[in-house]
Amino acid sequence: MCDVMVMSSRINKLSRSGFNNRLKLTTKDEIANIRGYNRRIEKLVDDVYDVFQEIGEQEWTVLQEPLDLLISTTKDLLKTYKKKYKNHEECENLEGMWSYLVELRNDIVRFRLPNPMRTEMEAILSRIGERMKQRNAS
């Protein structure tokens, strides 16, 4: 089982860092340390995917709120960053990291939590797989 408390703590620290970077953007005329923030998001998401198969409902109850907060904070930072520094390379990278976080959240909800649609989708994919086997056998 993955250590959800450690993950939760890391997610909260990233949210705080994102908020602080947003404050820096609104109070000073300088680019905040977005590059480091992007690297930390990428590392966090990669680490979560490393233990992805261990995430269940119990782990999700601990991770959901901090992850939603991190996504929201990153989105707000991205909006502020775009207003202040249009067409900056780090802005594109930040947008990619925000997308990476959203994708992680969606993957957990779709593939790791009980979902009535999941069994239906698995049945459909199974039927498609059988038809492909039959077609290839012909």
Protein backbone atom coordinates (compact mmCIF):
# COMPACT_ATOMS: atom_id res chain seq x y z
CA MET A 1 0.00 0.00 0.00
CA CYS A 2 1.35 3.40 -0.88
CA ASP A 3 1.99 5.90 1.89
CA VAL A 4 -0.91 8.27 1.25
CA MET A 5 0.00 10.56 4.12
CA VAL A 6 3.40 11.26 2.53
CA MET A 7 1.73 11.85 -0.85
CA SER A 8 -0.87 14.08 0.77
CA SER A 9 1.84 16.10 2.49
CA ARG A 10 3.77 16.51 -0.77
CA ILE A 11 0.62 17.62 -2.57
CA ASN A 12 -0.13 20.19 0.15
CA LYS A 13 3.41 21.56 -0.02
CA LEU A 14 3.10 21.94 -3.78
CA SER A 15 -0.21 23.78 -3.38
CA ARG A 16 1.40 26.16 -0.90
CA SER A 17 4.30 26.71 -3.28
CA GLY A 18 1.90 27.41 -6.15
CA PHE A 19 -0.03 29.89 -4.06
CA ASN A 20 3.19 31.62 -2.99
CA ASN A 21 4.35 31.81 -6.61
CA ARG A 22 1.02 33.36 -7.56
CA LEU A 23 1.44 35.96 -4.82
CA LYS A 24 4.91 36.77 -6.11
CA LEU A 25 3.51 37.30 -9.59
CA THR A 26 0.87 39.71 -8.37
CA THR A 27 3.08 41.76 -6.07
CA LYS A 28 6.38 41.94 -7.95
CA ASP A 29 7.32 42.44 -11.56
CA GLU A 30 9.36 39.25 -11.78
CA ILE A 31 8.94 35.68 -12.89
CA ALA A 32 8.52 33.37 -9.92
CA ASN A 33 10.28 30.05 -9.70
CA ILE A 34 7.84 28.31 -12.01
CA ARG A 35 10.49 26.00 -13.46
CA GLY A 36 11.10 24.34 -10.08
CA TYR A 37 7.36 24.15 -9.41
CA ASN A 38 6.86 22.40 -12.76
CA ARG A 39 9.60 19.87 -11.97
CA ARG A 40 8.06 19.13 -8.58
CA ILE A 41 4.63 18.57 -10.13
CA GLU A 42 6.09 16.25 -12.75
CA LYS A 43 7.98 14.26 -10.08
CA LEU A 44 4.87 13.99 -7.90
CA VAL A 45 2.68 12.78 -10.75
CA ASP A 46 5.32 10.27 -11.86
CA ASP A 47 5.59 8.98 -8.29
CA VAL A 48 1.81 8.60 -8.02
CA TYR A 49 1.72 6.66 -11.30
CA ASP A 50 4.46 4.40 -9.89
CA VAL A 51 2.04 3.31 -7.13
CA PHE A 52 -1.09 3.71 -9.24
CA GLN A 53 -2.18 0.07 -8.84
CA GLU A 54 -2.15 0.45 -5.05
CA ILE A 55 -4.63 3.35 -5.02
CA GLY A 56 -8.11 2.40 -3.92
CA GLU A 57 -11.09 4.06 -2.31
CA GLN A 58 -9.37 4.40 1.05
CA GLU A 59 -6.30 6.09 -0.42
CA TRP A 60 -8.48 8.30 -2.61
CA THR A 61 -10.37 9.66 0.41
CA VAL A 62 -7.05 10.96 1.72
CA LEU A 63 -5.64 12.20 -1.60
CA GLN A 64 -8.73 13.68 -3.25
CA GLU A 65 -9.01 16.99 -1.40
CA PRO A 66 -5.28 17.87 -1.52
CA LEU A 67 -5.09 16.90 -5.20
CA ASP A 68 -8.16 18.98 -6.07
CA LEU A 69 -6.63 21.92 -4.20
CA LEU A 70 -3.33 21.51 -6.06
CA ILE A 71 -5.16 21.43 -9.40
CA SER A 72 -7.13 24.55 -8.49
CA THR A 73 -4.05 26.38 -7.20
CA THR A 74 -2.07 25.49 -10.29
CA LYS A 75 -4.90 26.65 -12.54
CA ASP A 76 -5.07 29.99 -10.70
CA LEU A 77 -1.29 30.37 -10.94
CA LEU A 78 -1.49 29.60 -14.65
CA LYS A 79 -4.18 32.25 -15.22
CA THR A 80 -2.14 34.88 -13.35
CA TYR A 81 1.04 33.86 -15.13
CA LYS A 82 -0.63 34.11 -18.55
CA LYS A 83 -1.87 37.62 -17.77
CA LYS A 84 1.54 38.76 -16.65
CA TYR A 85 3.82 36.96 -19.11
CA LYS A 86 2.13 36.09 -22.39
CA ASN A 87 3.74 33.48 -24.65
CA HIS A 88 6.49 32.63 -22.17
CA GLU A 89 7.97 29.12 -22.42
CA GLU A 90 7.47 28.40 -18.73
CA CYS A 91 3.80 29.32 -19.12
CA GLU A 92 3.39 26.53 -21.67
CA ASN A 93 5.21 24.13 -19.38
CA LEU A 94 2.98 25.11 -16.47
CA GLU A 95 -0.09 24.51 -18.61
CA GLY A 96 1.28 21.07 -19.44
CA MET A 97 1.82 20.30 -15.75
CA TRP A 98 -1.72 21.42 -14.92
CA SER A 99 -2.99 19.11 -17.66
CA TYR A 100 -0.82 16.31 -16.23
CA LEU A 101 -2.44 16.77 -12.80
CA VAL A 102 -5.95 16.76 -14.28
CA GLU A 103 -5.13 13.62 -16.23
CA LEU A 104 -3.85 11.93 -13.06
CA ARG A 105 -7.05 12.78 -11.21
CA ASN A 106 -9.21 11.51 -14.06
CA ASP A 107 -7.20 8.29 -14.34
CA ILE A 108 -7.59 7.57 -10.64
CA VAL A 109 -11.34 8.17 -10.77
CA ARG A 110 -11.84 6.17 -13.97
CA PHE A 111 -9.48 3.27 -13.44
CA ARG A 112 -8.93 2.82 -9.70
CA LEU A 113 -12.31 3.52 -8.13
CA PRO A 114 -15.48 1.46 -8.39
CA ASN A 115 -17.41 2.68 -11.36
CA PRO A 116 -20.51 1.10 -12.90
CA MET A 117 -19.38 2.23 -16.33
CA ARG A 118 -16.04 0.46 -15.90
CA THR A 119 -17.56 -3.01 -15.96
CA GLU A 120 -19.62 -2.07 -19.00
CA MET A 121 -16.52 -0.69 -20.75
CA GLU A 122 -14.52 -3.82 -19.86
CA ALA A 123 -17.28 -5.98 -21.38
CA ILE A 124 -17.29 -3.88 -24.56
CA LEU A 125 -13.50 -4.07 -24.83
CA SER A 126 -13.62 -7.81 -24.25
CA ARG A 127 -16.15 -8.25 -27.07
CA ILE A 128 -14.03 -6.12 -29.37
CA GLY A 129 -10.97 -8.19 -28.45
CA GLU A 130 -12.82 -11.43 -29.24
CA ARG A 131 -13.97 -10.10 -32.60
CA MET A 132 -10.43 -8.98 -33.42
CA LYS A 133 -9.13 -12.49 -32.58
CA GLN A 134 -11.82 -14.06 -34.76
CA ARG A 135 -11.04 -11.69 -37.60
CA ASN A 136 -7.31 -12.30 -37.37
CA ALA A 137 -7.87 -16.07 -37.24
CA SER A 138 -9.77 -15.93 -40.55
